[in-house]
Structure formats: C-alpha cells, structure tokens
Amino acid sequence: MIWIILSAYREDTILFPNYLQHFFIALAVAVALNFFWHPGKIYASGVTGFSQVLESLSSRYLPFTLTTSSMYFVLNIPLFILGWLKIGKKFTLFTIIAVILASIMMKLIAPIKLSYDPIICAIFGGVVNGVGTGIALKSGISTGGIDVLGIILRRKTGKSFGQINIFFNLIIVICAGFCFWLDTCFIHCFKYFYQWSCH
C-alpha cells in the first residue's frame, strides 16, 4: 500500500476520501485480524503486526494484556505528531480518523474462529485485508503506521522505503518465532515474501 500512497502524495495536495471509505477500510482490517490472523496466530505487517506482538508478549509475561486495538492507536500517536509537523495538518487529521476507526473496529468486532490452520488464515486474512487495501490504494488513504514514515522519508531523501519496511517486518518475524516457535516464523517469512513479490 505504501507505494501507491507515496505516488499519490504531492507537495500541496493529497487525495482525501470520504468517511464511508474510512469505515470499510477499518472494517476489512478488523475482520482480517479477528477472524483469521488472531485465530491462526498470524501477524500483520507494520504497526498492526507490532501491536499483535505486544499483545502476545504482555499476555505471557505481564499481569495485564496490552490489546492490539489499544496499542495500534498508542503506537500511532508519535506518528501523528510527525505527520502534523512534517507532512501537513489535513493529511494528519484524515490519518487520525482512519486509525481511530480501525482501533474501534478491532475492539468491537468479536473474534470468530473460522479456521486454526495458519496457512488458510494467512491467505484468507490477506484477501480480506486486500479489499480494504484496494480501497485505500484507489483513494490515496494513509492508515497511519509506517506509511507516515515512508512519506517523510521519500520527501526528505528520495530513497526507497523498502529497507525500513523489511527491517521492521523482520523484527515481527523474530518475535513471532519467539512467541509461537519456528513453524510460525517460517509461515511469516512466506507471507512477507509473497507480499513483496506482488509489488
């Protein structure tokens, strides 16, 4: 998604979607997360995946659980500030709307365990999330997270965002192996390789 958002971005303007588009994107992310990725112990990429990692680790080693929905919002707060200072107020406001809606949807939509097979969950979760991503691509929406960093990096250096994205997702893969053993780690490697091969 980052590549289309970056190409849609201009110095003075960016495509702003209506609230209905924000709603469907948030719904797709929440369904993919609660119906497929969580049951299959599959991590998303970016801030969503890192939020899942924090939930898994906190549920194991802390007396309380840092939920994915709450951490998704909290981890985006410093990125809101960066976006406000480095990109623009309108862009940041629409990003905040997208993140808030996604966080609410993640919390409100009850998990339904359609399958425990990690490969099936990875595939169908990716398909559902891809519907939301497709809407975002068409509208030039940023859903926060490393999208914001990508836009800032592109503006400042003109360099590819790929290396940072790979590094960030590598951390998620390592944490997945730590939490759910090597078989899950291999599945995540396959998932991320497939995603990059599609770009």
N, C-alpha and C. Protein backbone atom coordinates (compact mmCIF):
# COMPACT_ATOMS: atom_id res chain seq x y z
N MET A 1 0.81 -1.20 0.00
CA MET A 1 0.00 0.00 0.00
C MET A 1 0.85 1.26 0.00
N ILE A 2 1.99 1.19 0.62
CA ILE A 2 2.83 2.38 0.78
C ILE A 2 3.21 3.00 -0.55
N TRP A 3 3.43 2.16 -1.59
CA TRP A 3 3.92 2.69 -2.85
C TRP A 3 2.88 3.56 -3.54
N ILE A 4 1.61 3.18 -3.50
CA ILE A 4 0.57 3.97 -4.14
C ILE A 4 0.33 5.25 -3.37
N ILE A 5 0.37 5.16 -2.04
CA ILE A 5 0.19 6.36 -1.23
C ILE A 5 1.29 7.36 -1.51
N LEU A 6 2.53 6.87 -1.62
CA LEU A 6 3.64 7.75 -1.90
C LEU A 6 3.50 8.40 -3.27
N SER A 7 3.07 7.63 -4.25
CA SER A 7 2.93 8.18 -5.60
C SER A 7 1.76 9.14 -5.69
N ALA A 8 0.74 8.93 -4.82
CA ALA A 8 -0.42 9.82 -4.84
C ALA A 8 -0.12 11.14 -4.14
N TYR A 9 0.88 11.12 -3.27
CA TYR A 9 1.20 12.30 -2.49
C TYR A 9 1.90 13.36 -3.33
N ARG A 10 1.52 14.63 -3.14
CA ARG A 10 2.17 15.76 -3.79
C ARG A 10 2.53 16.79 -2.72
N GLU A 11 3.29 17.77 -3.11
CA GLU A 11 3.74 18.77 -2.15
C GLU A 11 2.57 19.52 -1.53
N ASP A 12 1.55 19.85 -2.30
CA ASP A 12 0.48 20.70 -1.82
C ASP A 12 -0.86 20.01 -1.66
N THR A 13 -0.97 18.77 -2.09
CA THR A 13 -2.28 18.14 -2.05
C THR A 13 -2.15 16.64 -1.93
N ILE A 14 -3.20 16.03 -1.43
CA ILE A 14 -3.30 14.58 -1.39
C ILE A 14 -4.77 14.24 -1.52
N LEU A 15 -5.08 13.08 -2.08
CA LEU A 15 -6.46 12.68 -2.26
C LEU A 15 -7.08 12.37 -0.90
N PHE A 16 -8.20 13.02 -0.60
CA PHE A 16 -8.86 12.78 0.67
C PHE A 16 -10.16 12.03 0.45
N PRO A 17 -10.34 10.89 1.11
CA PRO A 17 -11.54 10.09 0.91
C PRO A 17 -12.68 10.56 1.79
N ASN A 18 -13.87 10.03 1.55
CA ASN A 18 -14.97 10.31 2.46
C ASN A 18 -14.94 9.32 3.62
N TYR A 19 -15.82 9.57 4.58
CA TYR A 19 -15.78 8.77 5.81
C TYR A 19 -16.24 7.34 5.57
N LEU A 20 -17.09 7.11 4.56
CA LEU A 20 -17.55 5.76 4.26
C LEU A 20 -16.38 4.88 3.83
N GLN A 21 -15.46 5.43 3.08
CA GLN A 21 -14.27 4.68 2.67
C GLN A 21 -13.41 4.33 3.88
N HIS A 22 -13.26 5.28 4.79
CA HIS A 22 -12.53 5.00 6.02
C HIS A 22 -13.18 3.84 6.78
N PHE A 23 -14.51 3.85 6.81
CA PHE A 23 -15.25 2.82 7.54
C PHE A 23 -14.98 1.43 6.97
N PHE A 24 -15.07 1.29 5.65
CA PHE A 24 -14.89 -0.02 5.03
C PHE A 24 -13.44 -0.51 5.15
N ILE A 25 -12.49 0.40 5.09
CA ILE A 25 -11.09 0.02 5.28
C ILE A 25 -10.87 -0.51 6.69
N ALA A 26 -11.40 0.22 7.68
CA ALA A 26 -11.27 -0.21 9.08
C ALA A 26 -11.97 -1.54 9.31
N LEU A 27 -13.14 -1.72 8.68
CA LEU A 27 -13.88 -2.98 8.82
C LEU A 27 -13.08 -4.15 8.25
N ALA A 28 -12.47 -3.95 7.09
CA ALA A 28 -11.69 -5.02 6.46
C ALA A 28 -10.50 -5.41 7.33
N VAL A 29 -9.80 -4.43 7.88
CA VAL A 29 -8.65 -4.70 8.74
C VAL A 29 -9.08 -5.48 9.99
N ALA A 30 -10.20 -5.05 10.59
CA ALA A 30 -10.68 -5.70 11.81
C ALA A 30 -11.12 -7.14 11.55
N VAL A 31 -11.81 -7.37 10.45
CA VAL A 31 -12.27 -8.72 10.11
C VAL A 31 -11.07 -9.63 9.83
N ALA A 32 -10.11 -9.13 9.06
CA ALA A 32 -8.90 -9.92 8.78
C ALA A 32 -8.18 -10.28 10.07
N LEU A 33 -8.11 -9.32 10.98
CA LEU A 33 -7.39 -9.53 12.24
C LEU A 33 -8.12 -10.52 13.16
N ASN A 34 -9.41 -10.28 13.38
CA ASN A 34 -10.16 -11.05 14.38
C ASN A 34 -10.71 -12.38 13.87
N PHE A 35 -10.93 -12.49 12.56
CA PHE A 35 -11.48 -13.73 12.02
C PHE A 35 -10.39 -14.69 11.53
N PHE A 36 -9.23 -14.16 11.17
CA PHE A 36 -8.21 -15.01 10.55
C PHE A 36 -6.84 -14.93 11.23
N TRP A 37 -6.27 -13.72 11.34
CA TRP A 37 -4.90 -13.62 11.82
C TRP A 37 -4.75 -14.03 13.28
N HIS A 38 -5.63 -13.55 14.14
CA HIS A 38 -5.55 -13.94 15.55
C HIS A 38 -5.75 -15.45 15.75
N PRO A 39 -6.82 -16.04 15.18
CA PRO A 39 -7.00 -17.49 15.36
C PRO A 39 -5.85 -18.32 14.80
N GLY A 40 -5.27 -17.87 13.68
CA GLY A 40 -4.17 -18.62 13.07
C GLY A 40 -2.81 -18.25 13.59
N LYS A 41 -2.77 -17.33 14.58
CA LYS A 41 -1.51 -16.84 15.14
C LYS A 41 -0.62 -16.27 14.04
N ILE A 42 -1.24 -15.45 13.20
CA ILE A 42 -0.55 -14.79 12.10
C ILE A 42 -0.42 -13.31 12.42
N TYR A 43 0.77 -12.76 12.21
CA TYR A 43 0.98 -11.34 12.45
C TYR A 43 0.86 -10.55 11.15
N ALA A 44 0.20 -9.41 11.25
CA ALA A 44 0.16 -8.48 10.12
C ALA A 44 1.52 -7.80 10.01
N SER A 45 1.68 -6.99 8.99
CA SER A 45 2.91 -6.22 8.85
C SER A 45 2.74 -4.86 9.52
N GLY A 46 3.84 -4.15 9.67
CA GLY A 46 3.80 -2.79 10.17
C GLY A 46 3.36 -2.66 11.61
N VAL A 47 2.72 -1.53 11.92
CA VAL A 47 2.32 -1.22 13.28
C VAL A 47 1.26 -2.20 13.79
N THR A 48 0.38 -2.66 12.90
CA THR A 48 -0.63 -3.64 13.31
C THR A 48 0.04 -4.91 13.82
N GLY A 49 1.02 -5.40 13.08
CA GLY A 49 1.73 -6.60 13.49
C GLY A 49 2.50 -6.40 14.78
N PHE A 50 3.13 -5.24 14.93
CA PHE A 50 3.88 -4.97 16.16
C PHE A 50 2.93 -4.87 17.35
N SER A 51 1.72 -4.35 17.13
CA SER A 51 0.71 -4.30 18.19
C SER A 51 0.31 -5.71 18.61
N GLN A 52 0.19 -6.62 17.63
CA GLN A 52 -0.10 -8.02 17.94
C GLN A 52 1.02 -8.65 18.77
N VAL A 53 2.26 -8.32 18.42
CA VAL A 53 3.41 -8.84 19.17
C VAL A 53 3.34 -8.39 20.63
N LEU A 54 3.04 -7.12 20.85
CA LEU A 54 2.95 -6.60 22.22
C LEU A 54 1.83 -7.27 22.99
N GLU A 55 0.71 -7.55 22.32
CA GLU A 55 -0.38 -8.25 23.00
C GLU A 55 0.05 -9.66 23.40
N SER A 56 0.73 -10.36 22.49
CA SER A 56 1.16 -11.72 22.77
C SER A 56 2.16 -11.76 23.93
N LEU A 57 3.14 -10.87 23.89
CA LEU A 57 4.17 -10.85 24.93
C LEU A 57 3.60 -10.42 26.28
N SER A 58 2.73 -9.41 26.28
CA SER A 58 2.16 -8.93 27.54
C SER A 58 1.25 -9.98 28.18
N SER A 59 0.51 -10.73 27.35
CA SER A 59 -0.37 -11.77 27.90
C SER A 59 0.42 -12.91 28.52
N ARG A 60 1.66 -13.09 28.07
CA ARG A 60 2.50 -14.16 28.60
C ARG A 60 3.31 -13.74 29.82
N TYR A 61 3.81 -12.50 29.80
CA TYR A 61 4.81 -12.12 30.79
C TYR A 61 4.38 -10.97 31.70
N LEU A 62 3.21 -10.40 31.48
CA LEU A 62 2.73 -9.31 32.33
C LEU A 62 1.41 -9.71 32.98
N PRO A 63 1.07 -9.09 34.11
CA PRO A 63 -0.21 -9.40 34.77
C PRO A 63 -1.41 -8.78 34.06
N PHE A 64 -1.16 -8.05 33.01
CA PHE A 64 -2.24 -7.44 32.22
C PHE A 64 -1.90 -7.61 30.74
N THR A 65 -2.89 -7.39 29.89
CA THR A 65 -2.70 -7.57 28.45
C THR A 65 -2.82 -6.24 27.72
N LEU A 66 -1.83 -5.93 26.92
CA LEU A 66 -1.88 -4.76 26.04
C LEU A 66 -2.58 -5.19 24.75
N THR A 67 -3.82 -4.80 24.59
CA THR A 67 -4.60 -5.27 23.45
C THR A 67 -4.09 -4.68 22.14
N THR A 68 -4.31 -5.41 21.07
CA THR A 68 -3.87 -4.96 19.75
C THR A 68 -4.53 -3.64 19.38
N SER A 69 -5.82 -3.52 19.67
CA SER A 69 -6.55 -2.31 19.29
C SER A 69 -6.01 -1.08 19.99
N SER A 70 -5.74 -1.19 21.30
CA SER A 70 -5.23 -0.03 22.04
C SER A 70 -3.80 0.30 21.65
N MET A 71 -2.96 -0.72 21.47
CA MET A 71 -1.57 -0.47 21.11
C MET A 71 -1.45 0.08 19.69
N TYR A 72 -2.36 -0.33 18.81
CA TYR A 72 -2.36 0.21 17.45
C TYR A 72 -2.54 1.72 17.48
N PHE A 73 -3.44 2.19 18.34
CA PHE A 73 -3.65 3.63 18.46
C PHE A 73 -2.47 4.31 19.14
N VAL A 74 -2.00 3.74 20.25
CA VAL A 74 -0.91 4.35 21.02
C VAL A 74 0.36 4.47 20.19
N LEU A 75 0.70 3.42 19.45
CA LEU A 75 1.93 3.44 18.64
C LEU A 75 1.85 4.44 17.50
N ASN A 76 0.64 4.79 17.11
CA ASN A 76 0.47 5.76 16.03
C ASN A 76 0.56 7.21 16.51
N ILE A 77 0.45 7.44 17.82
CA ILE A 77 0.46 8.81 18.33
C ILE A 77 1.73 9.58 17.94
N PRO A 78 2.93 9.03 18.17
CA PRO A 78 4.13 9.77 17.73
C PRO A 78 4.17 9.99 16.23
N LEU A 79 3.54 9.08 15.47
CA LEU A 79 3.50 9.25 14.02
C LEU A 79 2.51 10.35 13.63
N PHE A 80 1.46 10.54 14.43
CA PHE A 80 0.56 11.67 14.21
C PHE A 80 1.34 12.98 14.34
N ILE A 81 2.16 13.05 15.38
CA ILE A 81 2.94 14.27 15.62
C ILE A 81 3.91 14.52 14.47
N LEU A 82 4.59 13.46 14.02
CA LEU A 82 5.50 13.60 12.88
C LEU A 82 4.76 14.05 11.64
N GLY A 83 3.61 13.44 11.40
CA GLY A 83 2.82 13.81 10.23
C GLY A 83 2.37 15.25 10.28
N TRP A 84 1.96 15.70 11.45
CA TRP A 84 1.50 17.08 11.64
C TRP A 84 2.63 18.07 11.35
N LEU A 85 3.83 17.74 11.82
CA LEU A 85 4.97 18.65 11.67
C LEU A 85 5.62 18.56 10.29
N LYS A 86 5.68 17.37 9.72
CA LYS A 86 6.48 17.16 8.51
C LYS A 86 5.66 17.04 7.22
N ILE A 87 4.38 16.68 7.33
CA ILE A 87 3.59 16.46 6.12
C ILE A 87 2.50 17.50 5.96
N GLY A 88 1.61 17.60 6.95
CA GLY A 88 0.54 18.58 6.84
C GLY A 88 -0.60 18.27 7.79
N LYS A 89 -1.39 19.30 8.12
CA LYS A 89 -2.46 19.15 9.09
C LYS A 89 -3.61 18.31 8.54
N LYS A 90 -4.02 18.59 7.29
CA LYS A 90 -5.14 17.85 6.71
C LYS A 90 -4.80 16.36 6.59
N PHE A 91 -3.62 16.08 6.09
CA PHE A 91 -3.18 14.69 5.95
C PHE A 91 -3.24 13.98 7.30
N THR A 92 -2.73 14.65 8.33
CA THR A 92 -2.68 14.04 9.66
C THR A 92 -4.07 13.83 10.23
N LEU A 93 -4.96 14.79 10.05
CA LEU A 93 -6.32 14.66 10.56
C LEU A 93 -7.04 13.46 9.95
N PHE A 94 -6.89 13.28 8.64
CA PHE A 94 -7.52 12.14 7.99
C PHE A 94 -6.85 10.82 8.39
N THR A 95 -5.57 10.86 8.67
CA THR A 95 -4.88 9.67 9.16
C THR A 95 -5.38 9.31 10.55
N ILE A 96 -5.58 10.31 11.40
CA ILE A 96 -6.10 10.07 12.75
C ILE A 96 -7.48 9.43 12.69
N ILE A 97 -8.33 9.93 11.78
CA ILE A 97 -9.67 9.34 11.62
C ILE A 97 -9.57 7.87 11.25
N ALA A 98 -8.69 7.55 10.30
CA ALA A 98 -8.53 6.17 9.84
C ALA A 98 -8.05 5.27 10.98
N VAL A 99 -7.09 5.75 11.76
CA VAL A 99 -6.54 4.95 12.86
C VAL A 99 -7.57 4.74 13.97
N ILE A 100 -8.31 5.80 14.31
CA ILE A 100 -9.33 5.69 15.36
C ILE A 100 -10.40 4.68 14.95
N LEU A 101 -10.88 4.79 13.71
CA LEU A 101 -11.91 3.86 13.24
C LEU A 101 -11.41 2.42 13.26
N ALA A 102 -10.17 2.22 12.80
CA ALA A 102 -9.60 0.87 12.79
C ALA A 102 -9.47 0.32 14.21
N SER A 103 -9.03 1.15 15.14
CA SER A 103 -8.89 0.72 16.54
C SER A 103 -10.24 0.33 17.14
N ILE A 104 -11.26 1.14 16.85
CA ILE A 104 -12.60 0.85 17.37
C ILE A 104 -13.14 -0.45 16.79
N MET A 105 -12.96 -0.63 15.48
CA MET A 105 -13.44 -1.85 14.82
C MET A 105 -12.73 -3.09 15.38
N MET A 106 -11.43 -2.99 15.59
CA MET A 106 -10.68 -4.12 16.16
C MET A 106 -11.24 -4.52 17.52
N LYS A 107 -11.67 -3.52 18.29
CA LYS A 107 -12.19 -3.78 19.63
C LYS A 107 -13.62 -4.29 19.61
N LEU A 108 -14.47 -3.73 18.75
CA LEU A 108 -15.89 -4.03 18.79
C LEU A 108 -16.26 -5.32 18.09
N ILE A 109 -15.55 -5.66 17.01
CA ILE A 109 -15.89 -6.86 16.26
C ILE A 109 -15.36 -8.08 17.01
N ALA A 110 -16.28 -8.92 17.43
CA ALA A 110 -15.89 -10.11 18.21
C ALA A 110 -15.17 -11.12 17.33
N PRO A 111 -14.10 -11.72 17.84
CA PRO A 111 -13.37 -12.72 17.05
C PRO A 111 -14.24 -13.94 16.74
N ILE A 112 -14.15 -14.41 15.52
CA ILE A 112 -14.82 -15.64 15.09
C ILE A 112 -13.74 -16.56 14.52
N LYS A 113 -13.58 -17.72 15.12
CA LYS A 113 -12.52 -18.64 14.72
C LYS A 113 -13.01 -19.53 13.59
N LEU A 114 -12.84 -19.08 12.36
CA LEU A 114 -13.29 -19.83 11.20
C LEU A 114 -12.34 -20.98 10.88
N SER A 115 -11.07 -20.81 11.22
CA SER A 115 -10.07 -21.85 10.99
C SER A 115 -8.87 -21.60 11.89
N TYR A 116 -8.20 -22.69 12.27
CA TYR A 116 -6.97 -22.58 13.05
C TYR A 116 -5.74 -22.84 12.19
N ASP A 117 -5.96 -23.25 10.96
CA ASP A 117 -4.84 -23.54 10.06
C ASP A 117 -4.13 -22.24 9.71
N PRO A 118 -2.86 -22.10 10.06
CA PRO A 118 -2.16 -20.82 9.84
C PRO A 118 -2.05 -20.42 8.38
N ILE A 119 -1.91 -21.39 7.49
CA ILE A 119 -1.80 -21.06 6.07
C ILE A 119 -3.13 -20.54 5.53
N ILE A 120 -4.22 -21.22 5.88
CA ILE A 120 -5.55 -20.77 5.46
C ILE A 120 -5.84 -19.38 6.03
N CYS A 121 -5.52 -19.20 7.30
CA CYS A 121 -5.76 -17.90 7.94
C CYS A 121 -4.92 -16.80 7.30
N ALA A 122 -3.68 -17.12 6.94
CA ALA A 122 -2.81 -16.13 6.29
C ALA A 122 -3.36 -15.74 4.93
N ILE A 123 -3.83 -16.73 4.16
CA ILE A 123 -4.33 -16.46 2.81
C ILE A 123 -5.62 -15.66 2.84
N PHE A 124 -6.62 -16.16 3.60
CA PHE A 124 -7.92 -15.50 3.60
C PHE A 124 -7.88 -14.18 4.36
N GLY A 125 -7.06 -14.10 5.40
CA GLY A 125 -6.89 -12.82 6.06
C GLY A 125 -6.29 -11.80 5.12
N GLY A 126 -5.33 -12.25 4.30
CA GLY A 126 -4.73 -11.36 3.32
C GLY A 126 -5.72 -10.91 2.26
N VAL A 127 -6.63 -11.81 1.86
CA VAL A 127 -7.64 -11.46 0.87
C VAL A 127 -8.59 -10.39 1.42
N VAL A 128 -9.08 -10.61 2.64
CA VAL A 128 -10.00 -9.64 3.25
C VAL A 128 -9.31 -8.30 3.46
N ASN A 129 -8.09 -8.36 3.99
CA ASN A 129 -7.35 -7.12 4.18
C ASN A 129 -7.04 -6.45 2.85
N GLY A 130 -6.86 -7.27 1.81
CA GLY A 130 -6.60 -6.72 0.48
C GLY A 130 -7.76 -5.92 -0.07
N VAL A 131 -8.99 -6.28 0.33
CA VAL A 131 -10.16 -5.49 -0.09
C VAL A 131 -10.06 -4.08 0.47
N GLY A 132 -9.73 -4.00 1.76
CA GLY A 132 -9.55 -2.68 2.36
C GLY A 132 -8.37 -1.94 1.77
N THR A 133 -7.29 -2.68 1.52
CA THR A 133 -6.11 -2.07 0.91
C THR A 133 -6.43 -1.53 -0.47
N GLY A 134 -7.25 -2.27 -1.23
CA GLY A 134 -7.63 -1.81 -2.56
C GLY A 134 -8.37 -0.50 -2.53
N ILE A 135 -9.28 -0.35 -1.55
CA ILE A 135 -9.99 0.92 -1.39
C ILE A 135 -9.01 2.03 -1.04
N ALA A 136 -8.07 1.71 -0.15
CA ALA A 136 -7.07 2.70 0.25
C ALA A 136 -6.19 3.11 -0.92
N LEU A 137 -5.78 2.14 -1.73
CA LEU A 137 -4.93 2.43 -2.88
C LEU A 137 -5.63 3.36 -3.85
N LYS A 138 -6.90 3.09 -4.08
CA LYS A 138 -7.66 3.89 -5.04
C LYS A 138 -7.86 5.31 -4.54
N SER A 139 -7.96 5.47 -3.22
CA SER A 139 -8.29 6.77 -2.65
C SER A 139 -7.08 7.53 -2.14
N GLY A 140 -5.91 6.88 -2.12
CA GLY A 140 -4.72 7.54 -1.59
C GLY A 140 -4.77 7.75 -0.09
N ILE A 141 -5.38 6.79 0.61
CA ILE A 141 -5.55 6.91 2.05
C ILE A 141 -4.30 6.40 2.77
N SER A 142 -3.91 7.10 3.82
CA SER A 142 -2.91 6.57 4.73
C SER A 142 -3.62 6.07 5.98
N THR A 143 -3.31 4.85 6.38
CA THR A 143 -3.89 4.29 7.60
C THR A 143 -2.90 4.39 8.76
N GLY A 144 -2.00 5.35 8.67
CA GLY A 144 -1.04 5.55 9.74
C GLY A 144 0.12 4.59 9.65
N GLY A 145 0.75 4.35 10.81
CA GLY A 145 1.86 3.41 10.85
C GLY A 145 3.05 3.86 10.03
N ILE A 146 3.72 2.88 9.44
CA ILE A 146 4.94 3.18 8.71
C ILE A 146 4.67 3.87 7.38
N ASP A 147 3.38 3.97 6.99
CA ASP A 147 3.06 4.79 5.81
C ASP A 147 3.53 6.23 6.01
N VAL A 148 3.29 6.75 7.22
CA VAL A 148 3.69 8.12 7.53
C VAL A 148 5.20 8.27 7.43
N LEU A 149 5.93 7.32 8.00
CA LEU A 149 7.39 7.36 7.91
C LEU A 149 7.86 7.29 6.46
N GLY A 150 7.16 6.48 5.67
CA GLY A 150 7.54 6.34 4.26
C GLY A 150 7.41 7.63 3.49
N ILE A 151 6.32 8.37 3.74
CA ILE A 151 6.12 9.64 3.06
C ILE A 151 7.19 10.65 3.46
N ILE A 152 7.48 10.71 4.76
CA ILE A 152 8.51 11.64 5.24
C ILE A 152 9.87 11.29 4.66
N LEU A 153 10.21 10.00 4.67
CA LEU A 153 11.49 9.56 4.13
C LEU A 153 11.61 9.86 2.65
N ARG A 154 10.53 9.63 1.92
CA ARG A 154 10.55 9.89 0.48
C ARG A 154 10.75 11.38 0.20
N ARG A 155 10.09 12.22 0.98
CA ARG A 155 10.21 13.66 0.79
C ARG A 155 11.61 14.17 1.13
N LYS A 156 12.18 13.63 2.20
CA LYS A 156 13.46 14.14 2.69
C LYS A 156 14.65 13.61 1.90
N THR A 157 14.60 12.35 1.52
CA THR A 157 15.78 11.73 0.91
C THR A 157 15.58 11.27 -0.52
N GLY A 158 14.32 11.02 -0.89
CA GLY A 158 14.05 10.47 -2.21
C GLY A 158 14.40 9.00 -2.32
N LYS A 159 14.78 8.39 -1.20
CA LYS A 159 15.20 6.99 -1.22
C LYS A 159 14.01 6.05 -1.04
N SER A 160 14.25 4.78 -1.36
CA SER A 160 13.23 3.76 -1.23
C SER A 160 12.90 3.50 0.23
N PHE A 161 11.64 3.23 0.48
CA PHE A 161 11.17 2.91 1.82
C PHE A 161 11.33 1.42 2.12
N GLY A 162 11.71 0.65 1.12
CA GLY A 162 11.73 -0.81 1.23
C GLY A 162 12.60 -1.34 2.35
N GLN A 163 13.80 -0.78 2.55
CA GLN A 163 14.72 -1.31 3.55
C GLN A 163 14.17 -1.17 4.96
N ILE A 164 13.57 -0.02 5.25
CA ILE A 164 12.99 0.17 6.58
C ILE A 164 11.83 -0.79 6.79
N ASN A 165 11.01 -0.96 5.77
CA ASN A 165 9.86 -1.85 5.88
C ASN A 165 10.31 -3.30 6.12
N ILE A 166 11.34 -3.73 5.39
CA ILE A 166 11.87 -5.09 5.57
C ILE A 166 12.42 -5.26 6.99
N PHE A 167 13.17 -4.28 7.47
CA PHE A 167 13.75 -4.35 8.81
C PHE A 167 12.66 -4.44 9.88
N PHE A 168 11.62 -3.62 9.73
CA PHE A 168 10.53 -3.59 10.69
C PHE A 168 9.81 -4.94 10.73
N ASN A 169 9.54 -5.49 9.55
CA ASN A 169 8.84 -6.77 9.48
C ASN A 169 9.72 -7.94 9.92
N LEU A 170 11.04 -7.79 9.77
CA LEU A 170 11.96 -8.81 10.26
C LEU A 170 11.88 -8.93 11.77
N ILE A 171 11.74 -7.80 12.45
CA ILE A 171 11.57 -7.81 13.90
C ILE A 171 10.30 -8.57 14.28
N ILE A 172 9.23 -8.33 13.51
CA ILE A 172 7.96 -9.02 13.77
C ILE A 172 8.12 -10.53 13.59
N VAL A 173 8.83 -10.93 12.53
CA VAL A 173 9.05 -12.36 12.27
C VAL A 173 9.82 -13.01 13.41
N ILE A 174 10.86 -12.33 13.90
CA ILE A 174 11.66 -12.87 15.01
C ILE A 174 10.80 -13.02 16.26
N CYS A 175 9.98 -12.01 16.53
CA CYS A 175 9.10 -12.09 17.69
C CYS A 175 8.06 -13.19 17.53
N ALA A 176 7.60 -13.40 16.30
CA ALA A 176 6.65 -14.49 16.04
C ALA A 176 7.28 -15.83 16.36
N GLY A 177 8.54 -16.00 15.96
CA GLY A 177 9.25 -17.23 16.28
C GLY A 177 9.44 -17.41 17.77
N PHE A 178 9.69 -16.30 18.47
CA PHE A 178 9.87 -16.34 19.91
C PHE A 178 8.58 -16.72 20.63
N CYS A 179 7.45 -16.20 20.12
CA CYS A 179 6.16 -16.43 20.78
C CYS A 179 5.55 -17.78 20.41
N PHE A 180 5.68 -18.16 19.13
CA PHE A 180 4.93 -19.32 18.64
C PHE A 180 5.81 -20.35 17.93
N TRP A 181 7.13 -20.31 18.17
CA TRP A 181 8.05 -21.30 17.65
C TRP A 181 8.32 -21.14 16.15
N LEU A 182 9.22 -21.98 15.67
CA LEU A 182 9.80 -21.78 14.34
C LEU A 182 8.82 -22.01 13.20
N ASP A 183 7.85 -22.91 13.36
CA ASP A 183 6.93 -23.15 12.25
C ASP A 183 6.14 -21.91 11.91
N THR A 184 5.73 -21.15 12.94
CA THR A 184 5.04 -19.89 12.70
C THR A 184 5.97 -18.88 12.06
N CYS A 185 7.22 -18.89 12.47
CA CYS A 185 8.22 -17.98 11.90
C CYS A 185 8.38 -18.23 10.41
N PHE A 186 8.42 -19.49 10.00
CA PHE A 186 8.55 -19.83 8.58
C PHE A 186 7.33 -19.39 7.79
N ILE A 187 6.16 -19.53 8.39
CA ILE A 187 4.93 -19.09 7.72
C ILE A 187 4.96 -17.59 7.50
N HIS A 188 5.46 -16.85 8.47
CA HIS A 188 5.55 -15.40 8.32
C HIS A 188 6.56 -15.02 7.24
N CYS A 189 7.65 -15.73 7.17
CA CYS A 189 8.62 -15.47 6.10
C CYS A 189 7.98 -15.67 4.73
N PHE A 190 7.20 -16.74 4.60
CA PHE A 190 6.48 -17.00 3.35
C PHE A 190 5.50 -15.87 3.06
N LYS A 191 4.76 -15.45 4.09
CA LYS A 191 3.77 -14.40 3.94
C LYS A 191 4.40 -13.10 3.44
N TYR A 192 5.49 -12.68 4.07
CA TYR A 192 6.12 -11.43 3.68
C TYR A 192 6.80 -11.54 2.32
N PHE A 193 7.39 -12.69 2.00
CA PHE A 193 7.98 -12.88 0.68
C PHE A 193 6.92 -12.79 -0.40
N TYR A 194 5.76 -13.38 -0.14
CA TYR A 194 4.66 -13.33 -1.11
C TYR A 194 4.18 -11.90 -1.30
N GLN A 195 4.07 -11.15 -0.20
CA GLN A 195 3.63 -9.76 -0.30
C GLN A 195 4.59 -8.93 -1.14
N TRP A 196 5.90 -9.10 -0.92
CA TRP A 196 6.88 -8.32 -1.66
C TRP A 196 6.95 -8.74 -3.12
N SER A 197 6.70 -10.02 -3.40
CA SER A 197 6.73 -10.48 -4.80
C SER A 197 5.58 -9.92 -5.60
N CYS A 198 4.54 -9.47 -4.91
CA CYS A 198 3.37 -8.92 -5.60
C CYS A 198 3.54 -7.45 -5.93
N HIS A 199 4.57 -6.80 -5.37
CA HIS A 199 4.75 -5.36 -5.63
C HIS A 199 5.42 -5.13 -6.99
